[in-house]
C-alpha cells in the first residue's frame, strides 16, 4: 500500500536565478526564454514517483512547490511564506556571483522559521557557465558550510532538474 504525503517546498533565491524556470521545467517539462518575474508567491503541485522507506513502506510525496519572489530580506511578508515548509531549494545563478552572496542570510531566515526543514542548494544556469569561473566552487563551499547537498542545474536543458527535486524528496523520506 502506498501512503501519499503532502509536503510544502519553497524555492528561494535572488531575483532572476531561474526559480520559476526550474519549477516550470520540473512540473510541466517546459522552458521559456522570457523572464517572468514572480510577484508574491506562485504555488505549483507535482506528484512524485513512489519511494521506499527504510522500514519497507512505500510513500509518494505530493509536493506543493512555493515559488517565492526574489528575496528581499526586509520584506516581513515573504518570511510568512516559509511557515509549514518541509524543505527548500535555494537557487543561485551560476553566472552571477551576487546571487550566492545572499544565500547565508536567506538560509538563516528560513531556518529560523522552519528549523526542521531540509535544504538543497542549486547552482542554476549551468548551460551558460563559462570556463574559469569559481561560482561552482563557491556553491560547493556554501553547501559544505551548511552541511547541505547541492546540484548544478539547467532549467533550459533540464539537466539535473528532476534529480534536484528527487534529492530533496529522498532527504525528507529519510527523515520520516
C-alpha atoms as a PDB file:
ATOM      1  CA  UNK A   1       0.000   0.000   0.000  1.00  0.00           C
ATOM      2  CA  UNK A   2       1.307   3.426  -0.956  1.00  0.00           C
ATOM      3  CA  UNK A   3       0.947   6.276   1.512  1.00  0.00           C
ATOM      4  CA  UNK A   4       0.533   9.683  -0.129  1.00  0.00           C
ATOM      5  CA  UNK A   5       2.026  12.596   1.802  1.00  0.00           C
ATOM      6  CA  UNK A   6       1.660  16.291   1.007  1.00  0.00           C
ATOM      7  CA  UNK A   7       4.766  18.389   1.621  1.00  0.00           C
ATOM      8  CA  UNK A   8       5.306  22.111   1.183  1.00  0.00           C
ATOM      9  CA  UNK A   9       8.576  23.003  -0.541  1.00  0.00           C
ATOM     10  CA  UNK A  10       9.894  26.559  -1.043  1.00  0.00           C
ATOM     11  CA  UNK A  11      12.171  27.737  -3.837  1.00  0.00           C
ATOM     12  CA  UNK A  12      14.243  30.626  -2.560  1.00  0.00           C
ATOM     13  CA  UNK A  13      16.858  32.869  -4.049  1.00  0.00           C
ATOM     14  CA  UNK A  14      17.645  36.230  -5.520  1.00  0.00           C
ATOM     15  CA  UNK A  15      15.554  37.545  -8.418  1.00  0.00           C
ATOM     16  CA  UNK A  16      16.320  36.083 -11.876  1.00  0.00           C
ATOM     17  CA  UNK A  17      18.143  32.983 -10.625  1.00  0.00           C
ATOM     18  CA  UNK A  18      15.722  30.741 -12.509  1.00  0.00           C
ATOM     19  CA  UNK A  19      13.452  29.560  -9.691  1.00  0.00           C
ATOM     20  CA  UNK A  20      10.297  29.816 -11.812  1.00  0.00           C
ATOM     21  CA  UNK A  21      12.050  28.191 -14.781  1.00  0.00           C
ATOM     22  CA  UNK A  22      13.191  25.261 -12.614  1.00  0.00           C
ATOM     23  CA  UNK A  23       9.631  24.726 -11.409  1.00  0.00           C
ATOM     24  CA  UNK A  24       8.153  25.000 -14.912  1.00  0.00           C
ATOM     25  CA  UNK A  25      10.736  22.505 -16.210  1.00  0.00           C
ATOM     26  CA  UNK A  26      10.060  20.101 -13.332  1.00  0.00           C
ATOM     27  CA  UNK A  27       6.270  20.314 -13.200  1.00  0.00           C
ATOM     28  CA  UNK A  28       5.399  20.852 -16.890  1.00  0.00           C
ATOM     29  CA  UNK A  29       8.649  19.944 -18.705  1.00  0.00           C
ATOM     30  CA  UNK A  30       8.704  23.317 -20.478  1.00  0.00           C
ATOM     31  CA  UNK A  31      11.196  26.167 -20.717  1.00  0.00           C
ATOM     32  CA  UNK A  32      10.607  29.711 -21.913  1.00  0.00           C
ATOM     33  CA  UNK A  33      13.417  32.185 -22.610  1.00  0.00           C
ATOM     34  CA  UNK A  34      11.238  35.100 -21.462  1.00  0.00           C
ATOM     35  CA  UNK A  35      11.936  36.351 -17.956  1.00  0.00           C
ATOM     36  CA  UNK A  36       8.840  36.081 -15.800  1.00  0.00           C
ATOM     37  CA  UNK A  37       9.215  37.900 -12.509  1.00  0.00           C
ATOM     38  CA  UNK A  38       7.220  36.292  -9.720  1.00  0.00           C
ATOM     39  CA  UNK A  39       5.190  38.730  -7.657  1.00  0.00           C
ATOM     40  CA  UNK A  40       4.477  37.403  -4.184  1.00  0.00           C
ATOM     41  CA  UNK A  41       4.194  33.651  -4.467  1.00  0.00           C
ATOM     42  CA  UNK A  42       3.044  31.131  -7.043  1.00  0.00           C
ATOM     43  CA  UNK A  43       2.185  27.575  -5.980  1.00  0.00           C
ATOM     44  CA  UNK A  44       2.566  24.532  -8.227  1.00  0.00           C
ATOM     45  CA  UNK A  45       1.934  20.878  -7.474  1.00  0.00           C
ATOM     46  CA  UNK A  46       3.752  17.708  -8.515  1.00  0.00           C
ATOM     47  CA  UNK A  47       3.118  14.101  -7.576  1.00  0.00           C
ATOM     48  CA  UNK A  48       6.481  12.363  -7.281  1.00  0.00           C
ATOM     49  CA  UNK A  49       7.257   8.716  -8.005  1.00  0.00           C
ATOM     50  CA  UNK A  50       6.772   6.317  -5.078  1.00  0.00           C
ATOM     51  CA  UNK A  51       9.776   5.867  -2.771  1.00  0.00           C
ATOM     52  CA  UNK A  52      10.552   3.041  -0.373  1.00  0.00           C
ATOM     53  CA  UNK A  53      11.312   3.955   3.232  1.00  0.00           C
ATOM     54  CA  UNK A  54      13.841   2.244   5.490  1.00  0.00           C
ATOM     55  CA  UNK A  55      11.022   0.223   7.095  1.00  0.00           C
ATOM     56  CA  UNK A  56       9.832  -1.060   3.682  1.00  0.00           C
ATOM     57  CA  UNK A  57       6.815   1.222   3.401  1.00  0.00           C
ATOM     58  CA  UNK A  58       6.055   2.966   0.116  1.00  0.00           C
ATOM     59  CA  UNK A  59       5.454   6.711   0.255  1.00  0.00           C
ATOM     60  CA  UNK A  60       4.507   9.051  -2.532  1.00  0.00           C
ATOM     61  CA  UNK A  61       5.035  12.752  -1.996  1.00  0.00           C
ATOM     62  CA  UNK A  62       2.751  15.352  -3.436  1.00  0.00           C
ATOM     63  CA  UNK A  63       4.978  18.433  -3.460  1.00  0.00           C
ATOM     64  CA  UNK A  64       3.287  21.792  -3.102  1.00  0.00           C
ATOM     65  CA  UNK A  65       6.052  23.931  -4.564  1.00  0.00           C
ATOM     66  CA  UNK A  66       6.054  27.560  -3.474  1.00  0.00           C
ATOM     67  CA  UNK A  67       7.846  29.812  -5.941  1.00  0.00           C
ATOM     68  CA  UNK A  68       8.664  32.824  -3.781  1.00  0.00           C
ATOM     69  CA  UNK A  69       9.534  36.117  -5.420  1.00  0.00           C
ATOM     70  CA  UNK A  70      13.182  37.217  -5.463  1.00  0.00           C
ATOM     71  CA  UNK A  71      14.231  37.647  -1.884  1.00  0.00           C
ATOM     72  CA  UNK A  72      14.111  40.968  -0.102  1.00  0.00           C
ATOM     73  CA  UNK A  73      15.302  40.234   3.445  1.00  0.00           C
ATOM     74  CA  UNK A  74      13.481  43.308   4.760  1.00  0.00           C
ATOM     75  CA  UNK A  75      10.120  42.062   3.489  1.00  0.00           C
ATOM     76  CA  UNK A  76       8.381  40.560   6.527  1.00  0.00           C
ATOM     77  CA  UNK A  77       5.565  39.113   4.394  1.00  0.00           C
ATOM     78  CA  UNK A  78       7.982  36.908   2.461  1.00  0.00           C
ATOM     79  CA  UNK A  79       9.068  35.200   5.650  1.00  0.00           C
ATOM     80  CA  UNK A  80       5.416  34.255   6.307  1.00  0.00           C
ATOM     81  CA  UNK A  81       5.531  32.170   3.122  1.00  0.00           C
ATOM     82  CA  UNK A  82       8.101  29.849   4.739  1.00  0.00           C
ATOM     83  CA  UNK A  83       5.831  28.606   7.538  1.00  0.00           C
ATOM     84  CA  UNK A  84       4.999  24.918   7.384  1.00  0.00           C
ATOM     85  CA  UNK A  85       7.696  24.032   4.864  1.00  0.00           C
ATOM     86  CA  UNK A  86       9.291  20.606   4.924  1.00  0.00           C
ATOM     87  CA  UNK A  87      12.148  21.733   2.740  1.00  0.00           C
ATOM     88  CA  UNK A  88      13.631  24.360   0.494  1.00  0.00           C
ATOM     89  CA  UNK A  89      15.656  24.517  -2.646  1.00  0.00           C
ATOM     90  CA  UNK A  90      17.873  27.589  -2.526  1.00  0.00           C
ATOM     91  CA  UNK A  91      18.865  28.710  -6.013  1.00  0.00           C
ATOM     92  CA  UNK A  92      21.916  30.661  -7.098  1.00  0.00           C
ATOM     93  CA  UNK A  93      22.665  31.806 -10.648  1.00  0.00           C
ATOM     94  CA  UNK A  94      25.997  30.381 -11.807  1.00  0.00           C
ATOM     95  CA  UNK A  95      26.513  33.464 -13.977  1.00  0.00           C
ATOM     96  CA  UNK A  96      26.032  35.997 -11.143  1.00  0.00           C
ATOM     97  CA  UNK A  97      28.291  35.997  -8.087  1.00  0.00           C
ATOM     98  CA  UNK A  98      25.943  38.279  -6.145  1.00  0.00           C
ATOM     99  CA  UNK A  99      23.220  35.614  -6.225  1.00  0.00           C
ATOM    100  CA  UNK A 100      25.388  33.456  -3.932  1.00  0.00           C
ATOM    101  CA  UNK A 101      26.175  36.310  -1.545  1.00  0.00           C
ATOM    102  CA  UNK A 102      22.586  36.378  -0.237  1.00  0.00           C
ATOM    103  CA  UNK A 103      22.314  32.646   0.445  1.00  0.00           C
ATOM    104  CA  UNK A 104      23.680  32.685   4.017  1.00  0.00           C
ATOM    105  CA  UNK A 105      21.154  35.297   5.120  1.00  0.00           C
ATOM    106  CA  UNK A 106      18.386  33.529   3.293  1.00  0.00           C
ATOM    107  CA  UNK A 107      19.185  30.221   4.957  1.00  0.00           C
ATOM    108  CA  UNK A 108      19.347  31.911   8.331  1.00  0.00           C
ATOM    109  CA  UNK A 109      15.895  33.470   7.878  1.00  0.00           C
ATOM    110  CA  UNK A 110      14.385  30.236   6.560  1.00  0.00           C
ATOM    111  CA  UNK A 111      15.942  28.057   9.283  1.00  0.00           C
ATOM    112  CA  UNK A 112      14.664  30.390  11.998  1.00  0.00           C
ATOM    113  CA  UNK A 113      11.092  29.863  10.820  1.00  0.00           C
ATOM    114  CA  UNK A 114      11.461  26.196   9.759  1.00  0.00           C
ATOM    115  CA  UNK A 115      14.258  24.716  11.884  1.00  0.00           C
ATOM    116  CA  UNK A 116      13.380  21.120  10.963  1.00  0.00           C
ATOM    117  CA  UNK A 117      13.149  21.741   7.203  1.00  0.00           C
ATOM    118  CA  UNK A 118      15.700  20.204   4.880  1.00  0.00           C
ATOM    119  CA  UNK A 119      17.754  22.219   2.399  1.00  0.00           C
ATOM    120  CA  UNK A 120      19.236  21.539  -1.020  1.00  0.00           C
ATOM    121  CA  UNK A 121      21.277  24.138  -2.902  1.00  0.00           C
ATOM    122  CA  UNK A 122      21.104  24.573  -6.658  1.00  0.00           C
ATOM    123  CA  UNK A 123      23.538  26.335  -8.947  1.00  0.00           C
ATOM    124  CA  UNK A 124      21.276  27.072 -11.904  1.00  0.00           C
ATOM    125  CA  UNK A 125      22.059  28.101 -15.500  1.00  0.00           C
ATOM    126  CA  UNK A 126      24.805  25.533 -15.907  1.00  0.00           C
ATOM    127  CA  UNK A 127      24.272  25.777 -19.656  1.00  0.00           C
ATOM    128  CA  UNK A 128      25.560  29.390 -19.504  1.00  0.00           C
ATOM    129  CA  UNK A 129      28.551  28.633 -17.305  1.00  0.00           C
ATOM    130  CA  UNK A 130      31.808  29.909 -18.732  1.00  0.00           C
ATOM    131  CA  UNK A 131      35.221  28.350 -18.179  1.00  0.00           C
ATOM    132  CA  UNK A 132      37.421  29.565 -15.326  1.00  0.00           C
ATOM    133  CA  UNK A 133      34.608  30.837 -13.123  1.00  0.00           C
ATOM    134  CA  UNK A 134      34.685  29.967  -9.441  1.00  0.00           C
ATOM    135  CA  UNK A 135      30.911  30.081  -8.887  1.00  0.00           C
ATOM    136  CA  UNK A 136      30.517  26.280  -8.770  1.00  0.00           C
ATOM    137  CA  UNK A 137      33.333  26.168  -6.195  1.00  0.00           C
ATOM    138  CA  UNK A 138      31.575  28.871  -4.161  1.00  0.00           C
ATOM    139  CA  UNK A 139      28.383  26.797  -4.202  1.00  0.00           C
ATOM    140  CA  UNK A 140      30.325  23.706  -3.102  1.00  0.00           C
ATOM    141  CA  UNK A 141      31.833  25.672  -0.197  1.00  0.00           C
ATOM    142  CA  UNK A 142      28.433  27.037   0.852  1.00  0.00           C
ATOM    143  CA  UNK A 143      26.994  23.520   0.774  1.00  0.00           C
ATOM    144  CA  UNK A 144      29.849  22.225   2.924  1.00  0.00           C
ATOM    145  CA  UNK A 145      29.413  25.073   5.437  1.00  0.00           C
ATOM    146  CA  UNK A 146      25.681  24.388   5.720  1.00  0.00           C
ATOM    147  CA  UNK A 147      26.046  20.594   5.563  1.00  0.00           C
ATOM    148  CA  UNK A 148      23.671  20.640   2.593  1.00  0.00           C
ATOM    149  CA  UNK A 149      23.595  18.758  -0.678  1.00  0.00           C
ATOM    150  CA  UNK A 150      23.865  20.669  -3.939  1.00  0.00           C
ATOM    151  CA  UNK A 151      23.499  20.168  -7.671  1.00  0.00           C
ATOM    152  CA  UNK A 152      24.380  22.192 -10.745  1.00  0.00           C
ATOM    153  CA  UNK A 153      21.233  22.525 -12.858  1.00  0.00           C
ATOM    154  CA  UNK A 154      19.942  23.947 -16.102  1.00  0.00           C
ATOM    155  CA  UNK A 155      16.246  24.730 -16.408  1.00  0.00           C
ATOM    156  CA  UNK A 156      16.869  25.319 -20.121  1.00  0.00           C
ATOM    157  CA  UNK A 157      18.282  21.864 -20.911  1.00  0.00           C
ATOM    158  CA  UNK A 158      16.618  20.059 -17.999  1.00  0.00           C
ATOM    159  CA  UNK A 159      19.983  18.870 -16.668  1.00  0.00           C
ATOM    160  CA  UNK A 160      19.676  17.719 -13.037  1.00  0.00           C
ATOM    161  CA  UNK A 161      16.246  19.331 -12.575  1.00  0.00           C
ATOM    162  CA  UNK A 162      14.355  16.122 -11.763  1.00  0.00           C
ATOM    163  CA  UNK A 163      17.343  14.966  -9.702  1.00  0.00           C
ATOM    164  CA  UNK A 164      17.221  18.200  -7.668  1.00  0.00           C
ATOM    165  CA  UNK A 165      13.643  17.670  -6.521  1.00  0.00           C
ATOM    166  CA  UNK A 166      14.159  13.930  -6.022  1.00  0.00           C
ATOM    167  CA  UNK A 167      17.219  14.636  -3.887  1.00  0.00           C
ATOM    168  CA  UNK A 168      15.072  16.750  -1.586  1.00  0.00           C
ATOM    169  CA  UNK A 169      12.324  14.097  -1.618  1.00  0.00           C
ATOM    170  CA  UNK A 170      14.803  11.408  -0.524  1.00  0.00           C
ATOM    171  CA  UNK A 171      16.078  13.640   2.287  1.00  0.00           C
ATOM    172  CA  UNK A 172      12.521  14.205   3.511  1.00  0.00           C
ATOM    173  CA  UNK A 173      11.710  10.473   3.188  1.00  0.00           C
ATOM    174  CA  UNK A 174      14.798   9.543   5.199  1.00  0.00           C
ATOM    175  CA  UNK A 175      13.611  11.821   7.997  1.00  0.00           C
ATOM    176  CA  UNK A 176      10.159  10.150   8.279  1.00  0.00           C
END
